Amino acid sequence: MKKSDLSQPSRRGRLATAVAMAMAGLQGHTNPTISKAGRLPMSLKRAPREALAMAMRGDSPGDEEGAKRRDFSKGRWSLEGKTALVTGGTRGIGRAVVEELASLGAMAYTCSRNAGELTASLEEWAEKGLRVSGSVCDISSYEQRVELMERATSALGGKLDILVNNAGTNVRKATTDFTPDDVSLVMATNFEAPFHLSQLAHPHLSTSPGGTIVFVSSVAGLVALCSGSLASASKAALNQLTRNLACEWAPHGVRVNAVAPWYTRTSLVEKVLEDAVFTKLIVDRIPLHRIAEPADVAAVVAFLCLPAAAYITGQVVAIDGGMTVNGFYPRSD
């Protein structure tokens, strides 16, 4: 409703009448007194928010259709009753994703290589009233991934609705300087682990009403960046895996998507962002002119997990402030 609409006495009066009628119904009254100017009695100015919201929607107390609309909308935008496994969830993007999913009603499970960090995070989430549990795991290990899936599904009541493959790493070197160990570490963490965890999760996701996988990829898998060819190749592989699994597992009722952030304020890039000159080069390349926060990425991940996103699959969503579409719009303010 436009502000100008409320400046007209007749419209203001109709709104006040609607609010009063809604409140009267809740309070057991039938004839609320409304002034000619459309002002509410003092008792109704202290009306509960829900009654005011009902009036604004045009609902009336006992309006079954209005209740159905609200329940339908709530269901589309809620993860109540859902379970989720998020890898690498104690810091950065993973932590933000855990908190976002849990805040929307999901029961979450996460992992970390650092036992102390995991314990501290679990205690903090418990204080916030978020339902999160977890265990120590190095996802580059095949055996530990198998154990992780067993522990997670057990803690989540034997089911899994959402898998967020978030954990990743990078080794910043010139291509000619990479060692076999570098290649093994990056590919095992960034590609083999999410590939294997998706395989392990499939039996659970395919029996879930609305099973969902989200890969945390990178714009480095979409365009050439100076962050290293090895990590870029691993993320490009994730992007293609997203498309393949989306098509292959659609008949099984499993949606598969990926998010591709650019520079985000996490521990993985904190050293890079300490270079003020380089950081300015990054920001000047972004139309929205700022570095992303973990919450920016988590919000999109959560959306892709919601029932509201039920018709979205096979997509790689760039969360980069517009960087990948910026052909030549230099900005240096």
C-alpha atoms as a PDB file:
ATOM      1  CA  MET A   1       0.000   0.000   0.000  1.00  0.00           C
ATOM      2  CA  LYS A   2       1.375   3.373  -0.959  1.00  0.00           C
ATOM      3  CA  LYS A   3       1.816   6.036   1.676  1.00  0.00           C
ATOM      4  CA  SER A   4      -0.423   8.306  -0.397  1.00  0.00           C
ATOM      5  CA  ASP A   5      -3.260   5.784  -0.069  1.00  0.00           C
ATOM      6  CA  LEU A   6      -3.330   6.279   3.698  1.00  0.00           C
ATOM      7  CA  SER A   7      -3.525  10.060   3.331  1.00  0.00           C
ATOM      8  CA  GLN A   8      -7.080   9.876   1.995  1.00  0.00           C
ATOM      9  CA  PRO A   9      -9.655   9.778   4.835  1.00  0.00           C
ATOM     10  CA  SER A  10     -12.019   7.363   3.070  1.00  0.00           C
ATOM     11  CA  ARG A  11      -9.314   4.782   2.406  1.00  0.00           C
ATOM     12  CA  ARG A  12      -7.841   5.272   5.857  1.00  0.00           C
ATOM     13  CA  GLY A  13     -11.281   4.771   7.296  1.00  0.00           C
ATOM     14  CA  ARG A  14     -11.827   1.533   5.385  1.00  0.00           C
ATOM     15  CA  LEU A  15      -8.494   0.195   6.628  1.00  0.00           C
ATOM     16  CA  ALA A  16      -9.325   1.155  10.193  1.00  0.00           C
ATOM     17  CA  THR A  17     -12.712  -0.521   9.861  1.00  0.00           C
ATOM     18  CA  ALA A  18     -11.117  -3.698   8.557  1.00  0.00           C
ATOM     19  CA  VAL A  19      -8.654  -3.763  11.447  1.00  0.00           C
ATOM     20  CA  ALA A  20     -11.363  -3.087  13.976  1.00  0.00           C
ATOM     21  CA  MET A  21     -13.613  -5.784  12.560  1.00  0.00           C
ATOM     22  CA  ALA A  22     -10.785  -8.261  12.739  1.00  0.00           C
ATOM     23  CA  MET A  23     -10.043  -7.325  16.338  1.00  0.00           C
ATOM     24  CA  ALA A  24     -13.671  -7.275  17.337  1.00  0.00           C
ATOM     25  CA  GLY A  25     -14.080 -10.796  16.093  1.00  0.00           C
ATOM     26  CA  LEU A  26     -11.101 -11.913  18.155  1.00  0.00           C
ATOM     27  CA  GLN A  27     -12.418 -10.157  21.255  1.00  0.00           C
ATOM     28  CA  GLY A  28     -15.991 -11.329  20.849  1.00  0.00           C
ATOM     29  CA  HIS A  29     -17.400  -7.906  19.915  1.00  0.00           C
ATOM     30  CA  THR A  30     -19.613  -7.162  16.940  1.00  0.00           C
ATOM     31  CA  ASN A  31     -19.791  -3.367  16.692  1.00  0.00           C
ATOM     32  CA  PRO A  32     -16.460  -1.627  17.174  1.00  0.00           C
ATOM     33  CA  THR A  33     -16.699   2.134  17.384  1.00  0.00           C
ATOM     34  CA  ILE A  34     -14.846   3.929  14.598  1.00  0.00           C
ATOM     35  CA  SER A  35     -14.557   7.698  14.468  1.00  0.00           C
ATOM     36  CA  LYS A  36     -15.509   9.556  11.316  1.00  0.00           C
ATOM     37  CA  ALA A  37     -11.857  10.350  10.752  1.00  0.00           C
ATOM     38  CA  GLY A  38     -11.165   6.630  10.639  1.00  0.00           C
ATOM     39  CA  ARG A  39      -9.319   6.533  13.970  1.00  0.00           C
ATOM     40  CA  LEU A  40      -9.209   3.349  16.047  1.00  0.00           C
ATOM     41  CA  PRO A  41     -10.212   3.238  19.719  1.00  0.00           C
ATOM     42  CA  MET A  42      -7.252   3.137  22.094  1.00  0.00           C
ATOM     43  CA  SER A  43      -7.979  -0.518  22.934  1.00  0.00           C
ATOM     44  CA  LEU A  44      -7.547  -1.467  19.298  1.00  0.00           C
ATOM     45  CA  LYS A  45      -4.357   0.547  18.876  1.00  0.00           C
ATOM     46  CA  ARG A  46      -2.792  -2.081  21.106  1.00  0.00           C
ATOM     47  CA  ALA A  47      -4.018  -4.865  18.822  1.00  0.00           C
ATOM     48  CA  PRO A  48      -1.913  -8.002  18.445  1.00  0.00           C
ATOM     49  CA  ARG A  49       0.204  -8.057  15.330  1.00  0.00           C
ATOM     50  CA  GLU A  50      -1.529 -11.141  13.951  1.00  0.00           C
ATOM     51  CA  ALA A  51      -4.909  -9.407  13.930  1.00  0.00           C
ATOM     52  CA  LEU A  52      -3.419  -6.404  12.168  1.00  0.00           C
ATOM     53  CA  ALA A  53      -1.808  -8.686   9.615  1.00  0.00           C
ATOM     54  CA  MET A  54      -5.156 -10.416   9.049  1.00  0.00           C
ATOM     55  CA  ALA A  55      -6.807  -7.090   8.344  1.00  0.00           C
ATOM     56  CA  MET A  56      -4.080  -6.035   5.922  1.00  0.00           C
ATOM     57  CA  ARG A  57      -4.508  -9.336   4.055  1.00  0.00           C
ATOM     58  CA  GLY A  58      -8.250  -8.912   3.932  1.00  0.00           C
ATOM     59  CA  ASP A  59      -8.846 -11.993   6.126  1.00  0.00           C
ATOM     60  CA  SER A  60     -11.381 -12.123   8.891  1.00  0.00           C
ATOM     61  CA  PRO A  61     -11.254 -14.184  12.087  1.00  0.00           C
ATOM     62  CA  GLY A  62     -12.272 -17.738  11.309  1.00  0.00           C
ATOM     63  CA  ASP A  63     -11.491 -17.222   7.624  1.00  0.00           C
ATOM     64  CA  GLU A  64     -10.600 -20.777   6.590  1.00  0.00           C
ATOM     65  CA  GLU A  65      -9.359 -19.743   3.159  1.00  0.00           C
ATOM     66  CA  GLY A  66      -7.054 -17.160   4.699  1.00  0.00           C
ATOM     67  CA  ALA A  67      -5.720 -19.776   7.109  1.00  0.00           C
ATOM     68  CA  LYS A  68      -5.089 -22.156   4.230  1.00  0.00           C
ATOM     69  CA  ARG A  69      -3.185 -19.473   2.337  1.00  0.00           C
ATOM     70  CA  ARG A  70      -1.014 -18.774   5.357  1.00  0.00           C
ATOM     71  CA  ASP A  71      -0.321 -22.461   5.981  1.00  0.00           C
ATOM     72  CA  PHE A  72       0.565 -22.992   2.320  1.00  0.00           C
ATOM     73  CA  SER A  73       2.906 -19.999   2.316  1.00  0.00           C
ATOM     74  CA  LYS A  74       4.521 -21.064   5.576  1.00  0.00           C
ATOM     75  CA  GLY A  75       5.125 -24.547   4.209  1.00  0.00           C
ATOM     76  CA  ARG A  76       6.826 -23.228   1.096  1.00  0.00           C
ATOM     77  CA  TRP A  77       9.174 -21.018   3.098  1.00  0.00           C
ATOM     78  CA  SER A  78       9.969 -23.339   5.988  1.00  0.00           C
ATOM     79  CA  LEU A  79      12.326 -26.266   6.561  1.00  0.00           C
ATOM     80  CA  GLU A  80      10.426 -27.480   9.607  1.00  0.00           C
ATOM     81  CA  GLY A  81      10.743 -31.254   9.850  1.00  0.00           C
ATOM     82  CA  LYS A  82      13.662 -31.389   7.403  1.00  0.00           C
ATOM     83  CA  THR A  83      17.114 -32.793   8.139  1.00  0.00           C
ATOM     84  CA  ALA A  84      20.393 -31.540   6.691  1.00  0.00           C
ATOM     85  CA  LEU A  85      24.055 -32.498   6.535  1.00  0.00           C
ATOM     86  CA  VAL A  86      26.460 -29.602   5.933  1.00  0.00           C
ATOM     87  CA  THR A  87      30.163 -30.369   5.565  1.00  0.00           C
ATOM     88  CA  GLY A  88      32.701 -27.941   7.017  1.00  0.00           C
ATOM     89  CA  GLY A  89      30.082 -26.116   9.062  1.00  0.00           C
ATOM     90  CA  THR A  90      32.066 -24.511  11.872  1.00  0.00           C
ATOM     91  CA  ARG A  91      33.409 -21.477  10.030  1.00  0.00           C
ATOM     92  CA  GLY A  92      32.810 -19.206   7.045  1.00  0.00           C
ATOM     93  CA  ILE A  93      30.136 -20.099   4.516  1.00  0.00           C
ATOM     94  CA  GLY A  94      29.481 -23.512   6.063  1.00  0.00           C
ATOM     95  CA  ARG A  95      28.756 -22.034   9.478  1.00  0.00           C
ATOM     96  CA  ALA A  96      26.411 -19.468   7.969  1.00  0.00           C
ATOM     97  CA  VAL A  97      24.600 -22.242   6.066  1.00  0.00           C
ATOM     98  CA  VAL A  98      24.170 -24.346   9.213  1.00  0.00           C
ATOM     99  CA  GLU A  99      22.672 -21.398  11.072  1.00  0.00           C
ATOM    100  CA  GLU A 100      20.432 -20.400   8.163  1.00  0.00           C
ATOM    101  CA  LEU A 101      18.999 -23.902   7.711  1.00  0.00           C
ATOM    102  CA  ALA A 102      18.538 -24.435  11.451  1.00  0.00           C
ATOM    103  CA  SER A 103      16.855 -21.030  11.801  1.00  0.00           C
ATOM    104  CA  LEU A 104      14.362 -22.101   9.126  1.00  0.00           C
ATOM    105  CA  GLY A 105      13.454 -25.157  11.189  1.00  0.00           C
ATOM    106  CA  ALA A 106      15.791 -27.870   9.928  1.00  0.00           C
ATOM    107  CA  MET A 107      17.665 -30.277  12.193  1.00  0.00           C
ATOM    108  CA  ALA A 108      21.283 -30.024  11.062  1.00  0.00           C
ATOM    109  CA  TYR A 109      24.426 -32.112  11.321  1.00  0.00           C
ATOM    110  CA  THR A 110      27.897 -30.870  10.483  1.00  0.00           C
ATOM    111  CA  CYS A 111      31.553 -31.833  10.672  1.00  0.00           C
ATOM    112  CA  SER A 112      34.959 -30.277  11.145  1.00  0.00           C
ATOM    113  CA  ARG A 113      38.563 -31.456  11.295  1.00  0.00           C
ATOM    114  CA  ASN A 114      39.041 -29.336  14.425  1.00  0.00           C
ATOM    115  CA  ALA A 115      37.495 -30.963  17.523  1.00  0.00           C
ATOM    116  CA  GLY A 116      37.793 -27.857  19.710  1.00  0.00           C
ATOM    117  CA  GLU A 117      36.215 -25.649  17.090  1.00  0.00           C
ATOM    118  CA  LEU A 118      33.368 -28.117  16.613  1.00  0.00           C
ATOM    119  CA  THR A 119      32.655 -28.382  20.349  1.00  0.00           C
ATOM    120  CA  ALA A 120      32.607 -24.601  20.766  1.00  0.00           C
ATOM    121  CA  SER A 121      30.271 -24.189  17.797  1.00  0.00           C
ATOM    122  CA  LEU A 122      27.854 -26.868  19.013  1.00  0.00           C
ATOM    123  CA  GLU A 123      27.683 -25.222  22.443  1.00  0.00           C
ATOM    124  CA  GLU A 124      27.008 -21.827  20.877  1.00  0.00           C
ATOM    125  CA  TRP A 125      24.252 -23.201  18.656  1.00  0.00           C
ATOM    126  CA  ALA A 126      22.642 -24.975  21.605  1.00  0.00           C
ATOM    127  CA  GLU A 127      22.535 -21.677  23.502  1.00  0.00           C
ATOM    128  CA  LYS A 128      20.772 -20.120  20.508  1.00  0.00           C
ATOM    129  CA  GLY A 129      18.205 -22.905  20.492  1.00  0.00           C
ATOM    130  CA  LEU A 130      19.369 -24.300  17.137  1.00  0.00           C
ATOM    131  CA  ARG A 131      19.144 -28.048  16.651  1.00  0.00           C
ATOM    132  CA  VAL A 132      22.650 -28.921  15.455  1.00  0.00           C
ATOM    133  CA  SER A 133      24.896 -31.884  16.157  1.00  0.00           C
ATOM    134  CA  GLY A 134      28.158 -32.970  14.587  1.00  0.00           C
ATOM    135  CA  SER A 135      31.366 -34.975  14.617  1.00  0.00           C
ATOM    136  CA  VAL A 136      35.030 -34.685  13.708  1.00  0.00           C
ATOM    137  CA  CYS A 137      35.788 -35.699  10.128  1.00  0.00           C
ATOM    138  CA  ASP A 138      38.422 -35.166   7.458  1.00  0.00           C
ATOM    139  CA  ILE A 139      36.326 -35.393   4.315  1.00  0.00           C
ATOM    140  CA  SER A 140      39.366 -36.075   2.159  1.00  0.00           C
ATOM    141  CA  SER A 141      39.346 -39.574   3.729  1.00  0.00           C
ATOM    142  CA  TYR A 142      37.106 -42.188   2.098  1.00  0.00           C
ATOM    143  CA  GLU A 143      36.635 -44.139   5.339  1.00  0.00           C
ATOM    144  CA  GLN A 144      35.807 -41.050   7.343  1.00  0.00           C
ATOM    145  CA  ARG A 145      33.198 -39.995   4.780  1.00  0.00           C
ATOM    146  CA  VAL A 146      31.440 -43.336   5.149  1.00  0.00           C
ATOM    147  CA  GLU A 147      31.510 -42.967   8.929  1.00  0.00           C
ATOM    148  CA  LEU A 148      30.250 -39.376   8.660  1.00  0.00           C
ATOM    149  CA  MET A 149      27.182 -40.401   6.674  1.00  0.00           C
ATOM    150  CA  GLU A 150      26.393 -43.181   9.151  1.00  0.00           C
ATOM    151  CA  ARG A 151      26.716 -40.861  12.136  1.00  0.00           C
ATOM    152  CA  ALA A 152      24.746 -38.068  10.503  1.00  0.00           C
ATOM    153  CA  THR A 153      21.783 -40.173   9.442  1.00  0.00           C
ATOM    154  CA  SER A 154      21.701 -41.838  12.856  1.00  0.00           C
ATOM    155  CA  ALA A 155      21.686 -38.467  14.643  1.00  0.00           C
ATOM    156  CA  LEU A 156      19.017 -37.175  12.255  1.00  0.00           C
ATOM    157  CA  GLY A 157      16.586 -39.967  12.969  1.00  0.00           C
ATOM    158  CA  GLY A 158      17.553 -42.267  10.122  1.00  0.00           C
ATOM    159  CA  LYS A 159      16.727 -39.837   7.328  1.00  0.00           C
ATOM    160  CA  LEU A 160      18.366 -37.115   5.278  1.00  0.00           C
ATOM    161  CA  ASP A 161      16.550 -34.468   3.221  1.00  0.00           C
ATOM    162  CA  ILE A 162      19.353 -32.014   2.426  1.00  0.00           C
ATOM    163  CA  LEU A 163      23.049 -32.416   1.660  1.00  0.00           C
ATOM    164  CA  VAL A 164      25.188 -29.286   1.399  1.00  0.00           C
ATOM    165  CA  ASN A 165      28.660 -30.140   0.118  1.00  0.00           C
ATOM    166  CA  ASN A 166      30.458 -27.083   1.433  1.00  0.00           C
ATOM    167  CA  ALA A 167      33.940 -28.069   2.655  1.00  0.00           C
ATOM    168  CA  GLY A 168      36.737 -27.147   0.273  1.00  0.00           C
ATOM    169  CA  THR A 169      40.355 -26.080   0.073  1.00  0.00           C
ATOM    170  CA  ASN A 170      42.831 -24.360  -2.197  1.00  0.00           C
ATOM    171  CA  VAL A 171      46.566 -24.336  -2.860  1.00  0.00           C
ATOM    172  CA  ARG A 172      47.707 -21.089  -4.450  1.00  0.00           C
ATOM    173  CA  LYS A 173      50.617 -21.801  -6.789  1.00  0.00           C
ATOM    174  CA  ALA A 174      51.614 -21.397 -10.383  1.00  0.00           C
ATOM    175  CA  THR A 175      50.442 -24.394 -12.410  1.00  0.00           C
ATOM    176  CA  THR A 176      54.023 -25.567 -13.041  1.00  0.00           C
ATOM    177  CA  ASP A 177      54.676 -25.667  -9.280  1.00  0.00           C
ATOM    178  CA  PHE A 178      51.885 -28.041  -8.218  1.00  0.00           C
ATOM    179  CA  THR A 179      53.074 -31.324  -6.736  1.00  0.00           C
ATOM    180  CA  PRO A 180      51.255 -34.677  -6.904  1.00  0.00           C
ATOM    181  CA  ASP A 181      50.340 -34.202  -3.229  1.00  0.00           C
ATOM    182  CA  ASP A 182      48.790 -30.806  -4.025  1.00  0.00           C
ATOM    183  CA  VAL A 183      46.677 -32.354  -6.774  1.00  0.00           C
ATOM    184  CA  SER A 184      45.574 -35.225  -4.542  1.00  0.00           C
ATOM    185  CA  LEU A 185      44.625 -32.922  -1.657  1.00  0.00           C
ATOM    186  CA  VAL A 186      42.628 -30.403  -3.694  1.00  0.00           C
ATOM    187  CA  MET A 187      40.822 -32.932  -5.871  1.00  0.00           C
ATOM    188  CA  ALA A 188      40.066 -35.253  -2.927  1.00  0.00           C
ATOM    189  CA  THR A 189      38.609 -32.411  -0.890  1.00  0.00           C
ATOM    190  CA  ASN A 190      36.895 -30.344  -3.588  1.00  0.00           C
ATOM    191  CA  PHE A 191      35.611 -33.025  -5.940  1.00  0.00           C
ATOM    192  CA  GLU A 192      36.039 -36.607  -4.756  1.00  0.00           C
ATOM    193  CA  ALA A 193      34.510 -35.895  -1.333  1.00  0.00           C
ATOM    194  CA  PRO A 194      31.298 -34.208  -2.563  1.00  0.00           C
ATOM    195  CA  PHE A 195      30.980 -36.814  -5.326  1.00  0.00           C
ATOM    196  CA  HIS A 196      31.263 -39.675  -2.826  1.00  0.00           C
ATOM    197  CA  LEU A 197      29.023 -38.050  -0.206  1.00  0.00           C
ATOM    198  CA  SER A 198      26.360 -37.544  -2.862  1.00  0.00           C
ATOM    199  CA  GLN A 199      26.569 -41.259  -3.674  1.00  0.00           C
ATOM    200  CA  LEU A 200      26.235 -42.122   0.015  1.00  0.00           C
ATOM    201  CA  ALA A 201      23.336 -39.696   0.477  1.00  0.00           C
ATOM    202  CA  HIS A 202      21.371 -40.848  -2.576  1.00  0.00           C
ATOM    203  CA  PRO A 203      19.490 -43.728  -0.870  1.00  0.00           C
ATOM    204  CA  HIS A 204      18.257 -41.302   1.794  1.00  0.00           C
ATOM    205  CA  LEU A 205      17.542 -38.340  -0.480  1.00  0.00           C
ATOM    206  CA  SER A 206      15.641 -40.459  -3.002  1.00  0.00           C
ATOM    207  CA  THR A 207      13.206 -41.606  -0.315  1.00  0.00           C
ATOM    208  CA  SER A 208      12.758 -38.089   1.048  1.00  0.00           C
ATOM    209  CA  PRO A 209       9.908 -35.897  -0.163  1.00  0.00           C
ATOM    210  CA  GLY A 210      12.026 -33.217  -1.788  1.00  0.00           C
ATOM    211  CA  GLY A 211      15.586 -34.506  -1.440  1.00  0.00           C
ATOM    212  CA  THR A 212      18.096 -31.771  -2.256  1.00  0.00           C
ATOM    213  CA  ILE A 213      21.832 -31.424  -2.864  1.00  0.00           C
ATOM    214  CA  VAL A 214      23.643 -28.096  -3.003  1.00  0.00           C
ATOM    215  CA  PHE A 215      27.307 -27.926  -3.974  1.00  0.00           C
ATOM    216  CA  VAL A 216      29.315 -24.907  -2.842  1.00  0.00           C
ATOM    217  CA  SER A 217      31.374 -24.270  -5.957  1.00  0.00           C
ATOM    218  CA  SER A 218      33.073 -21.041  -7.073  1.00  0.00           C
ATOM    219  CA  VAL A 219      33.065 -18.543  -9.902  1.00  0.00           C
ATOM    220  CA  ALA A 220      36.586 -19.881 -10.464  1.00  0.00           C
ATOM    221  CA  GLY A 221      34.808 -22.775 -12.146  1.00  0.00           C
ATOM    222  CA  LEU A 222      33.019 -20.369 -14.493  1.00  0.00           C
ATOM    223  CA  VAL A 223      35.677 -17.848 -15.501  1.00  0.00           C
ATOM    224  CA  ALA A 224      39.468 -17.677 -15.344  1.00  0.00           C
ATOM    225  CA  LEU A 225      40.751 -16.237 -12.077  1.00  0.00           C
ATOM    226  CA  CYS A 226      44.226 -15.821 -10.632  1.00  0.00           C
ATOM    227  CA  SER A 227      43.412 -18.014  -7.628  1.00  0.00           C
ATOM    228  CA  GLY A 228      44.979 -21.129  -9.159  1.00  0.00           C
ATOM    229  CA  SER A 229      44.189 -23.552 -11.974  1.00  0.00           C
ATOM    230  CA  LEU A 230      43.881 -26.608  -9.736  1.00  0.00           C
ATOM    231  CA  ALA A 231      41.070 -25.361  -7.504  1.00  0.00           C
ATOM    232  CA  SER A 232      39.387 -23.825 -10.553  1.00  0.00           C
ATOM    233  CA  ALA A 233      39.400 -27.194 -12.323  1.00  0.00           C
ATOM    234  CA  SER A 234      37.926 -28.911  -9.261  1.00  0.00           C
ATOM    235  CA  LYS A 235      35.095 -26.366  -9.071  1.00  0.00           C
ATOM    236  CA  ALA A 236      34.392 -26.616 -12.810  1.00  0.00           C
ATOM    237  CA  ALA A 237      34.056 -30.363 -12.296  1.00  0.00           C
ATOM    238  CA  LEU A 238      31.527 -29.708  -9.515  1.00  0.00           C
ATOM    239  CA  ASN A 239      29.522 -27.452 -11.810  1.00  0.00           C
ATOM    240  CA  GLN A 240      29.265 -30.167 -14.443  1.00  0.00           C
ATOM    241  CA  LEU A 241      28.476 -32.789 -11.811  1.00  0.00           C
ATOM    242  CA  THR A 242      25.594 -30.547 -10.734  1.00  0.00           C
ATOM    243  CA  ARG A 243      24.114 -30.624 -14.234  1.00  0.00           C
ATOM    244  CA  ASN A 244      24.586 -34.349 -14.692  1.00  0.00           C
ATOM    245  CA  LEU A 245      23.125 -35.376 -11.347  1.00  0.00           C
ATOM    246  CA  ALA A 246      20.204 -32.972 -11.777  1.00  0.00           C
ATOM    247  CA  CYS A 247      19.179 -34.876 -14.904  1.00  0.00           C
ATOM    248  CA  GLU A 248      20.132 -38.361 -13.746  1.00  0.00           C
ATOM    249  CA  TRP A 249      18.479 -38.120 -10.334  1.00  0.00           C
ATOM    250  CA  ALA A 250      15.420 -36.036 -11.226  1.00  0.00           C
ATOM    251  CA  PRO A 251      13.353 -39.227 -11.734  1.00  0.00           C
ATOM    252  CA  HIS A 252      14.351 -40.185  -8.179  1.00  0.00           C
ATOM    253  CA  GLY A 253      12.913 -36.939  -6.804  1.00  0.00           C
ATOM    254  CA  VAL A 254      16.312 -35.399  -6.010  1.00  0.00           C
ATOM    255  CA  ARG A 255      17.121 -31.809  -7.002  1.00  0.00           C
ATOM    256  CA  VAL A 256      20.770 -30.807  -7.451  1.00  0.00           C
ATOM    257  CA  ASN A 257      22.071 -27.242  -7.646  1.00  0.00           C
ATOM    258  CA  ALA A 258      25.279 -25.333  -6.948  1.00  0.00           C
ATOM    259  CA  VAL A 259      26.207 -21.880  -5.736  1.00  0.00           C
ATOM    260  CA  ALA A 260      29.329 -20.184  -7.064  1.00  0.00           C
ATOM    261  CA  PRO A 261      30.614 -17.415  -4.778  1.00  0.00           C
ATOM    262  CA  TRP A 262      33.484 -15.106  -5.541  1.00  0.00           C
ATOM    263  CA  TYR A 263      35.668 -13.611  -2.807  1.00  0.00           C
ATOM    264  CA  THR A 264      33.821 -14.033   0.487  1.00  0.00           C
ATOM    265  CA  ARG A 265      35.080 -13.027   3.932  1.00  0.00           C
ATOM    266  CA  THR A 266      36.163 -16.445   5.211  1.00  0.00           C
ATOM    267  CA  SER A 267      39.318 -17.915   6.734  1.00  0.00           C
ATOM    268  CA  LEU A 268      40.242 -19.367   3.329  1.00  0.00           C
ATOM    269  CA  VAL A 269      40.872 -15.920   1.840  1.00  0.00           C
ATOM    270  CA  GLU A 270      41.533 -13.728   4.887  1.00  0.00           C
ATOM    271  CA  LYS A 271      45.252 -13.507   4.105  1.00  0.00           C
ATOM    272  CA  VAL A 272      44.520 -12.448   0.522  1.00  0.00           C
ATOM    273  CA  LEU A 273      42.136  -9.734   1.679  1.00  0.00           C
ATOM    274  CA  GLU A 274      44.778  -8.269   3.991  1.00  0.00           C
ATOM    275  CA  ASP A 275      46.380  -6.832   0.858  1.00  0.00           C
ATOM    276  CA  ALA A 276      44.520  -3.528   0.538  1.00  0.00           C
ATOM    277  CA  VAL A 277      45.667  -2.911  -3.036  1.00  0.00           C
ATOM    278  CA  PHE A 278      44.534  -6.335  -4.234  1.00  0.00           C
ATOM    279  CA  THR A 279      41.260  -6.058  -2.332  1.00  0.00           C
ATOM    280  CA  LYS A 280      40.547  -2.756  -4.073  1.00  0.00           C
ATOM    281  CA  LEU A 281      41.111  -4.447  -7.431  1.00  0.00           C
ATOM    282  CA  ILE A 282      38.563  -7.085  -6.455  1.00  0.00           C
ATOM    283  CA  VAL A 283      35.958  -4.602  -5.256  1.00  0.00           C
ATOM    284  CA  ASP A 284      36.371  -2.380  -8.310  1.00  0.00           C
ATOM    285  CA  ARG A 285      35.527  -5.396 -10.471  1.00  0.00           C
ATOM    286  CA  ILE A 286      32.205  -5.968  -8.642  1.00  0.00           C
ATOM    287  CA  PRO A 287      29.176  -3.903  -9.726  1.00  0.00           C
ATOM    288  CA  LEU A 288      27.762  -4.086  -6.174  1.00  0.00           C
ATOM    289  CA  HIS A 289      31.176  -2.843  -4.992  1.00  0.00           C
ATOM    290  CA  ARG A 290      31.777  -4.961  -1.885  1.00  0.00           C
ATOM    291  CA  ILE A 291      33.184  -8.306  -0.771  1.00  0.00           C
ATOM    292  CA  ALA A 292      30.534 -10.922  -0.038  1.00  0.00           C
ATOM    293  CA  GLU A 293      29.717 -12.008   3.501  1.00  0.00           C
ATOM    294  CA  PRO A 294      29.063 -15.687   4.345  1.00  0.00           C
ATOM    295  CA  ALA A 295      25.419 -14.844   5.009  1.00  0.00           C
ATOM    296  CA  ASP A 296      25.032 -13.662   1.388  1.00  0.00           C
ATOM    297  CA  VAL A 297      25.893 -17.163   0.208  1.00  0.00           C
ATOM    298  CA  ALA A 298      23.984 -18.987   2.946  1.00  0.00           C
ATOM    299  CA  ALA A 299      20.745 -17.225   2.045  1.00  0.00           C
ATOM    300  CA  VAL A 300      20.868 -18.558  -1.520  1.00  0.00           C
ATOM    301  CA  VAL A 301      21.808 -22.057  -0.354  1.00  0.00           C
ATOM    302  CA  ALA A 302      18.852 -22.055   2.022  1.00  0.00           C
ATOM    303  CA  PHE A 303      16.485 -20.863  -0.701  1.00  0.00           C
ATOM    304  CA  LEU A 304      17.563 -23.712  -2.986  1.00  0.00           C
ATOM    305  CA  CYS A 305      16.696 -26.142  -0.167  1.00  0.00           C
ATOM    306  CA  LEU A 306      13.209 -24.731   0.412  1.00  0.00           C
ATOM    307  CA  PRO A 307      10.012 -26.211  -1.032  1.00  0.00           C
ATOM    308  CA  ALA A 308       9.585 -22.812  -2.721  1.00  0.00           C
ATOM    309  CA  ALA A 309      12.495 -23.764  -5.012  1.00  0.00           C
ATOM    310  CA  ALA A 310      10.954 -27.114  -5.987  1.00  0.00           C
ATOM    311  CA  TYR A 311      11.176 -26.374  -9.738  1.00  0.00           C
ATOM    312  CA  ILE A 312      14.841 -25.356  -9.716  1.00  0.00           C
ATOM    313  CA  THR A 313      17.469 -27.978 -10.514  1.00  0.00           C
ATOM    314  CA  GLY A 314      20.715 -28.224 -12.444  1.00  0.00           C
ATOM    315  CA  GLN A 315      21.606 -24.566 -11.871  1.00  0.00           C
ATOM    316  CA  VAL A 316      24.931 -23.011 -10.910  1.00  0.00           C
ATOM    317  CA  VAL A 317      24.051 -19.697  -9.250  1.00  0.00           C
ATOM    318  CA  ALA A 318      26.857 -17.122  -9.228  1.00  0.00           C
ATOM    319  CA  ILE A 319      26.883 -15.156  -5.974  1.00  0.00           C
ATOM    320  CA  ASP A 320      29.417 -12.570  -7.004  1.00  0.00           C
ATOM    321  CA  GLY A 321      27.812  -9.132  -6.868  1.00  0.00           C
ATOM    322  CA  GLY A 322      27.615  -9.150 -10.660  1.00  0.00           C
ATOM    323  CA  MET A 323      31.307  -9.808 -11.332  1.00  0.00           C
ATOM    324  CA  THR A 324      30.870 -12.553 -13.931  1.00  0.00           C
ATOM    325  CA  VAL A 325      28.524 -10.441 -16.071  1.00  0.00           C
ATOM    326  CA  ASN A 326      30.694  -7.335 -15.915  1.00  0.00           C
ATOM    327  CA  GLY A 327      32.199  -7.078 -19.368  1.00  0.00           C
ATOM    328  CA  PHE A 328      33.503  -3.524 -19.043  1.00  0.00           C
ATOM    329  CA  TYR A 329      31.843  -1.348 -16.426  1.00  0.00           C
ATOM    330  CA  PRO A 330      34.878  -0.068 -14.494  1.00  0.00           C
ATOM    331  CA  ARG A 331      34.158   1.418 -11.097  1.00  0.00           C
ATOM    332  CA  SER A 332      36.680   2.937  -8.751  1.00  0.00           C
ATOM    333  CA  ASP A 333      34.720   5.119  -6.326  1.00  0.00           C
END
